[in-house]
Structures are given as C-alpha cells and as structure tokens.
Amino acid sequence: MSTHDDRPDATTPIITGEPWPEPAEPDTTQPNTTQPDTSEPDTLEPTGPSWPTMTLGLVCLAVAVAVLVLQLVDLSVDWQLAGPLALAGIGALVAVVGALGLVLGRRR
C-alpha cells in the first residue's frame, strides 16, 4: 500500500473561486476535417413501398376476408380436404416466389 496520497483531504476546498481559463483559439493551420461529406453516395436508396411488406399485408387481408366469409355465411368446409390443399397452395406460392427471387437476383 502506498504512503503517498495525492487525493485532497476533507479540509481542502473543491471550489477555489478562480475563473475558468479562456478557451484556446482553433488551429487554423490544419484543414477542417469536421465538414460533412457532400459527395454523392455510391448506391441509391430504394423509394416507394416495400414489396414484401405489401405482400404480407395482402395475405393477412385475404385471410381476414376468408374468416369473415366463413363466419357470416352458413358454409361448412371439409377441413380434411381443405387443410392439405391450403398447405399445398402455400408451398407452391413459396416455390414460385423463390424461383422469381433467383431469376431476378441474377439479373442485377
């Protein structure tokens, strides 16, 4: 343990009443590097709606309409047939979207 302690003790005043020093003048010999970069970006940001978001919204809207129709109209659905067909339709839709993504992704 050190016997030399630079910390002020309880009797040393923290505020001395001396004025703050004046701020230093900025160095004008060096170029100003704080200016923002105004050059054009390399890539353009996309504008307009996001297609995945719009697709998800349309799917949710279609599900909501289907649920409302099934609830409001006296319609019985054979779920043993409709369930597997719905899953097959969703799988086919995913396959088509994936194929489009592969084809369009290679063009760019």
N, C-alpha and C. Protein backbone atom coordinates (compact mmCIF):
# COMPACT_ATOMS: atom_id res chain seq x y z
N MET A 1 0.83 -1.17 0.00
CA MET A 1 0.00 0.00 0.00
C MET A 1 0.88 1.24 0.00
N SER A 2 0.55 2.22 -0.78
CA SER A 2 1.36 3.42 -0.92
C SER A 2 1.11 4.37 0.25
N THR A 3 2.19 5.02 0.70
CA THR A 3 2.05 6.00 1.78
C THR A 3 1.81 7.39 1.21
N HIS A 4 2.04 7.57 -0.10
CA HIS A 4 1.84 8.89 -0.73
C HIS A 4 0.42 8.94 -1.31
N ASP A 5 -0.35 9.92 -0.90
CA ASP A 5 -1.73 10.05 -1.33
C ASP A 5 -1.93 11.44 -1.92
N ASP A 6 -2.25 11.51 -3.24
CA ASP A 6 -2.46 12.80 -3.92
C ASP A 6 -3.89 13.30 -3.79
N ARG A 7 -4.76 12.52 -3.22
CA ARG A 7 -6.15 12.95 -3.11
C ARG A 7 -6.28 14.05 -2.07
N PRO A 8 -7.19 15.01 -2.35
CA PRO A 8 -7.39 16.07 -1.33
C PRO A 8 -8.10 15.50 -0.12
N ASP A 9 -7.77 16.07 1.03
CA ASP A 9 -8.45 15.62 2.24
C ASP A 9 -9.73 16.41 2.43
N ALA A 10 -10.44 16.15 3.47
CA ALA A 10 -11.75 16.76 3.69
C ALA A 10 -11.67 18.25 3.93
N THR A 11 -10.51 18.79 4.29
CA THR A 11 -10.40 20.21 4.58
C THR A 11 -10.03 21.03 3.35
N THR A 12 -9.65 20.40 2.25
CA THR A 12 -9.28 21.13 1.05
C THR A 12 -10.54 21.54 0.30
N PRO A 13 -10.71 22.85 0.01
CA PRO A 13 -11.91 23.27 -0.71
C PRO A 13 -11.86 22.80 -2.16
N ILE A 14 -13.02 22.35 -2.66
CA ILE A 14 -13.09 21.89 -4.04
C ILE A 14 -13.19 23.08 -4.98
N ILE A 15 -13.98 24.07 -4.64
CA ILE A 15 -14.15 25.27 -5.46
C ILE A 15 -13.19 26.32 -4.95
N THR A 16 -12.31 26.80 -5.82
CA THR A 16 -11.29 27.74 -5.39
C THR A 16 -11.66 29.18 -5.67
N GLY A 17 -12.68 29.41 -6.47
CA GLY A 17 -13.09 30.78 -6.79
C GLY A 17 -12.29 31.38 -7.92
N GLU A 18 -11.39 30.62 -8.50
CA GLU A 18 -10.62 31.14 -9.62
C GLU A 18 -11.45 31.06 -10.89
N PRO A 19 -11.31 32.04 -11.80
CA PRO A 19 -12.10 31.99 -13.04
C PRO A 19 -11.60 30.87 -13.95
N TRP A 20 -12.52 30.41 -14.81
CA TRP A 20 -12.16 29.38 -15.77
C TRP A 20 -11.19 29.96 -16.79
N PRO A 21 -10.26 29.16 -17.28
CA PRO A 21 -9.35 29.67 -18.32
C PRO A 21 -10.11 29.89 -19.63
N GLU A 22 -9.61 30.85 -20.42
CA GLU A 22 -10.23 31.14 -21.71
C GLU A 22 -10.01 29.95 -22.65
N PRO A 23 -11.00 29.64 -23.51
CA PRO A 23 -10.82 28.53 -24.45
C PRO A 23 -9.75 28.88 -25.47
N ALA A 24 -9.04 27.87 -25.91
CA ALA A 24 -7.98 28.07 -26.89
C ALA A 24 -8.59 28.38 -28.24
N GLU A 25 -7.89 29.19 -29.02
CA GLU A 25 -8.32 29.51 -30.37
C GLU A 25 -8.19 28.27 -31.25
N PRO A 26 -9.10 28.08 -32.21
CA PRO A 26 -8.98 26.91 -33.09
C PRO A 26 -7.72 27.00 -33.94
N ASP A 27 -7.14 25.85 -34.22
CA ASP A 27 -5.93 25.77 -35.03
C ASP A 27 -6.33 25.93 -36.50
N THR A 28 -5.91 27.05 -37.10
CA THR A 28 -6.27 27.32 -38.50
C THR A 28 -5.22 26.82 -39.47
N THR A 29 -4.15 26.24 -38.97
CA THR A 29 -3.12 25.73 -39.88
C THR A 29 -3.48 24.37 -40.44
N GLN A 30 -4.35 23.61 -39.75
CA GLN A 30 -4.76 22.30 -40.21
C GLN A 30 -6.08 22.42 -40.97
N PRO A 31 -6.30 21.57 -41.99
CA PRO A 31 -7.59 21.63 -42.70
C PRO A 31 -8.73 21.20 -41.78
N ASN A 32 -9.87 21.78 -42.02
CA ASN A 32 -11.04 21.47 -41.21
C ASN A 32 -11.60 20.12 -41.64
N THR A 33 -11.52 19.13 -40.76
CA THR A 33 -11.97 17.78 -41.10
C THR A 33 -13.37 17.49 -40.54
N THR A 34 -14.01 18.50 -39.96
CA THR A 34 -15.33 18.26 -39.40
C THR A 34 -16.45 18.56 -40.38
N GLN A 35 -16.12 18.95 -41.59
CA GLN A 35 -17.16 19.23 -42.58
C GLN A 35 -17.80 17.91 -43.04
N PRO A 36 -19.11 17.90 -43.22
CA PRO A 36 -19.76 16.67 -43.68
C PRO A 36 -19.40 16.35 -45.12
N ASP A 37 -19.41 15.06 -45.43
CA ASP A 37 -19.11 14.61 -46.78
C ASP A 37 -20.33 14.88 -47.66
N THR A 38 -20.17 15.74 -48.66
CA THR A 38 -21.30 16.11 -49.52
C THR A 38 -21.26 15.39 -50.86
N SER A 39 -20.37 14.41 -51.01
CA SER A 39 -20.31 13.69 -52.28
C SER A 39 -21.53 12.78 -52.41
N GLU A 40 -21.85 12.41 -53.63
CA GLU A 40 -23.00 11.55 -53.90
C GLU A 40 -22.72 10.14 -53.40
N PRO A 41 -23.70 9.48 -52.82
CA PRO A 41 -23.48 8.10 -52.40
C PRO A 41 -23.34 7.17 -53.61
N ASP A 42 -22.67 6.04 -53.39
CA ASP A 42 -22.45 5.09 -54.48
C ASP A 42 -23.73 4.39 -54.90
N THR A 43 -24.63 4.16 -53.96
CA THR A 43 -25.87 3.46 -54.28
C THR A 43 -27.05 4.37 -53.97
N LEU A 44 -28.11 4.17 -54.71
CA LEU A 44 -29.34 4.92 -54.47
C LEU A 44 -30.21 4.14 -53.50
N GLU A 45 -30.81 4.82 -52.58
CA GLU A 45 -31.70 4.16 -51.65
C GLU A 45 -33.03 3.89 -52.34
N PRO A 46 -33.64 2.74 -52.04
CA PRO A 46 -34.91 2.43 -52.69
C PRO A 46 -36.00 3.39 -52.25
N THR A 47 -36.87 3.69 -53.18
CA THR A 47 -38.00 4.55 -52.87
C THR A 47 -39.27 3.77 -53.13
N GLY A 48 -40.32 4.20 -52.50
CA GLY A 48 -41.60 3.53 -52.70
C GLY A 48 -41.85 2.45 -51.67
N PRO A 49 -42.96 1.75 -51.83
CA PRO A 49 -43.34 0.75 -50.82
C PRO A 49 -42.45 -0.49 -50.91
N SER A 50 -42.38 -1.19 -49.79
CA SER A 50 -41.63 -2.44 -49.72
C SER A 50 -42.53 -3.57 -50.19
N TRP A 51 -42.10 -4.31 -51.21
CA TRP A 51 -42.93 -5.38 -51.76
C TRP A 51 -43.20 -6.50 -50.77
N PRO A 52 -42.21 -6.93 -49.99
CA PRO A 52 -42.54 -7.97 -49.00
C PRO A 52 -43.58 -7.52 -47.98
N THR A 53 -43.51 -6.28 -47.56
CA THR A 53 -44.49 -5.77 -46.60
C THR A 53 -45.87 -5.70 -47.23
N MET A 54 -45.93 -5.25 -48.47
CA MET A 54 -47.23 -5.19 -49.15
C MET A 54 -47.81 -6.58 -49.35
N THR A 55 -46.97 -7.56 -49.69
CA THR A 55 -47.44 -8.93 -49.89
C THR A 55 -47.98 -9.51 -48.59
N LEU A 56 -47.25 -9.30 -47.50
CA LEU A 56 -47.72 -9.78 -46.20
C LEU A 56 -49.05 -9.13 -45.83
N GLY A 57 -49.20 -7.86 -46.09
CA GLY A 57 -50.46 -7.18 -45.81
C GLY A 57 -51.61 -7.74 -46.62
N LEU A 58 -51.34 -8.02 -47.90
CA LEU A 58 -52.40 -8.59 -48.75
C LEU A 58 -52.77 -10.00 -48.31
N VAL A 59 -51.80 -10.80 -47.90
CA VAL A 59 -52.10 -12.15 -47.41
C VAL A 59 -52.94 -12.07 -46.14
N CYS A 60 -52.57 -11.18 -45.23
CA CYS A 60 -53.35 -11.02 -43.99
C CYS A 60 -54.77 -10.54 -44.29
N LEU A 61 -54.91 -9.64 -45.26
CA LEU A 61 -56.23 -9.17 -45.65
C LEU A 61 -57.06 -10.31 -46.24
N ALA A 62 -56.44 -11.14 -47.07
CA ALA A 62 -57.16 -12.27 -47.66
C ALA A 62 -57.60 -13.26 -46.59
N VAL A 63 -56.74 -13.52 -45.61
CA VAL A 63 -57.12 -14.42 -44.51
C VAL A 63 -58.27 -13.83 -43.72
N ALA A 64 -58.22 -12.53 -43.45
CA ALA A 64 -59.29 -11.89 -42.69
C ALA A 64 -60.62 -11.96 -43.45
N VAL A 65 -60.59 -11.73 -44.75
CA VAL A 65 -61.81 -11.82 -45.56
C VAL A 65 -62.34 -13.24 -45.55
N ALA A 66 -61.45 -14.22 -45.68
CA ALA A 66 -61.88 -15.62 -45.68
C ALA A 66 -62.53 -16.00 -44.35
N VAL A 67 -61.96 -15.54 -43.25
CA VAL A 67 -62.53 -15.83 -41.93
C VAL A 67 -63.89 -15.18 -41.79
N LEU A 68 -64.01 -13.93 -42.23
CA LEU A 68 -65.31 -13.24 -42.14
C LEU A 68 -66.36 -13.94 -42.99
N VAL A 69 -65.99 -14.36 -44.18
CA VAL A 69 -66.95 -15.06 -45.06
C VAL A 69 -67.39 -16.36 -44.40
N LEU A 70 -66.46 -17.10 -43.85
CA LEU A 70 -66.80 -18.38 -43.21
C LEU A 70 -67.68 -18.18 -41.98
N GLN A 71 -67.49 -17.06 -41.28
CA GLN A 71 -68.28 -16.81 -40.08
C GLN A 71 -69.67 -16.26 -40.41
N LEU A 72 -69.76 -15.43 -41.43
CA LEU A 72 -71.02 -14.77 -41.74
C LEU A 72 -71.93 -15.62 -42.62
N VAL A 73 -71.38 -16.45 -43.46
CA VAL A 73 -72.17 -17.27 -44.36
C VAL A 73 -72.24 -18.67 -43.78
N ASP A 74 -73.42 -19.25 -43.87
CA ASP A 74 -73.58 -20.61 -43.36
C ASP A 74 -72.94 -21.57 -44.36
N LEU A 75 -71.64 -21.78 -44.19
CA LEU A 75 -70.88 -22.59 -45.12
C LEU A 75 -70.07 -23.60 -44.33
N SER A 76 -70.17 -24.83 -44.68
CA SER A 76 -69.38 -25.85 -43.99
C SER A 76 -68.22 -26.24 -44.89
N VAL A 77 -67.05 -26.31 -44.30
CA VAL A 77 -65.84 -26.63 -45.05
C VAL A 77 -65.35 -27.99 -44.59
N ASP A 78 -65.04 -28.83 -45.55
CA ASP A 78 -64.45 -30.13 -45.25
C ASP A 78 -62.95 -29.93 -45.02
N TRP A 79 -62.55 -29.79 -43.76
CA TRP A 79 -61.17 -29.45 -43.43
C TRP A 79 -60.20 -30.59 -43.74
N GLN A 80 -60.71 -31.82 -43.85
CA GLN A 80 -59.82 -32.92 -44.23
C GLN A 80 -59.34 -32.77 -45.67
N LEU A 81 -60.07 -32.06 -46.47
CA LEU A 81 -59.68 -31.80 -47.85
C LEU A 81 -59.06 -30.40 -48.00
N ALA A 82 -59.66 -29.42 -47.33
CA ALA A 82 -59.22 -28.04 -47.49
C ALA A 82 -57.86 -27.79 -46.83
N GLY A 83 -57.58 -28.43 -45.69
CA GLY A 83 -56.30 -28.22 -45.00
C GLY A 83 -55.10 -28.60 -45.85
N PRO A 84 -55.03 -29.84 -46.35
CA PRO A 84 -53.89 -30.21 -47.19
C PRO A 84 -53.81 -29.40 -48.48
N LEU A 85 -54.95 -29.06 -49.06
CA LEU A 85 -54.92 -28.24 -50.27
C LEU A 85 -54.37 -26.84 -49.98
N ALA A 86 -54.74 -26.28 -48.83
CA ALA A 86 -54.23 -24.97 -48.46
C ALA A 86 -52.71 -25.01 -48.26
N LEU A 87 -52.23 -26.06 -47.59
CA LEU A 87 -50.79 -26.19 -47.39
C LEU A 87 -50.05 -26.38 -48.71
N ALA A 88 -50.62 -27.15 -49.62
CA ALA A 88 -50.01 -27.34 -50.93
C ALA A 88 -50.00 -26.02 -51.71
N GLY A 89 -51.05 -25.25 -51.60
CA GLY A 89 -51.10 -23.94 -52.26
C GLY A 89 -50.06 -22.98 -51.70
N ILE A 90 -49.89 -22.98 -50.39
CA ILE A 90 -48.88 -22.12 -49.78
C ILE A 90 -47.48 -22.55 -50.20
N GLY A 91 -47.25 -23.87 -50.25
CA GLY A 91 -45.95 -24.37 -50.72
C GLY A 91 -45.67 -23.98 -52.15
N ALA A 92 -46.67 -24.09 -53.00
CA ALA A 92 -46.49 -23.69 -54.40
C ALA A 92 -46.19 -22.20 -54.52
N LEU A 93 -46.88 -21.39 -53.72
CA LEU A 93 -46.63 -19.95 -53.73
C LEU A 93 -45.21 -19.63 -53.27
N VAL A 94 -44.73 -20.30 -52.25
CA VAL A 94 -43.37 -20.08 -51.77
C VAL A 94 -42.36 -20.50 -52.84
N ALA A 95 -42.62 -21.61 -53.53
CA ALA A 95 -41.72 -22.06 -54.60
C ALA A 95 -41.67 -21.06 -55.74
N VAL A 96 -42.80 -20.50 -56.11
CA VAL A 96 -42.84 -19.52 -57.19
C VAL A 96 -42.10 -18.24 -56.79
N VAL A 97 -42.32 -17.78 -55.58
CA VAL A 97 -41.63 -16.57 -55.11
C VAL A 97 -40.12 -16.83 -55.04
N GLY A 98 -39.71 -18.00 -54.59
CA GLY A 98 -38.28 -18.33 -54.55
C GLY A 98 -37.66 -18.37 -55.94
N ALA A 99 -38.37 -18.96 -56.89
CA ALA A 99 -37.86 -19.01 -58.26
C ALA A 99 -37.74 -17.61 -58.86
N LEU A 100 -38.74 -16.78 -58.60
CA LEU A 100 -38.65 -15.39 -59.07
C LEU A 100 -37.47 -14.67 -58.44
N GLY A 101 -37.24 -14.92 -57.16
CA GLY A 101 -36.10 -14.30 -56.50
C GLY A 101 -34.77 -14.74 -57.10
N LEU A 102 -34.66 -16.01 -57.45
CA LEU A 102 -33.43 -16.49 -58.08
C LEU A 102 -33.23 -15.87 -59.46
N VAL A 103 -34.29 -15.81 -60.24
CA VAL A 103 -34.18 -15.28 -61.61
C VAL A 103 -33.89 -13.78 -61.56
N LEU A 104 -34.64 -13.04 -60.76
CA LEU A 104 -34.44 -11.59 -60.70
C LEU A 104 -33.15 -11.23 -60.00
N GLY A 105 -32.71 -12.05 -59.07
CA GLY A 105 -31.46 -11.77 -58.35
C GLY A 105 -30.24 -11.90 -59.24
N ARG A 106 -30.29 -12.75 -60.24
CA ARG A 106 -29.16 -12.94 -61.14
C ARG A 106 -29.08 -11.85 -62.19
N ARG A 107 -30.16 -11.18 -62.46
CA ARG A 107 -30.17 -10.10 -63.46
C ARG A 107 -29.38 -8.90 -62.99
N ARG A 108 -29.43 -8.64 -61.71
CA ARG A 108 -28.81 -7.40 -61.19
C ARG A 108 -27.36 -7.54 -61.02
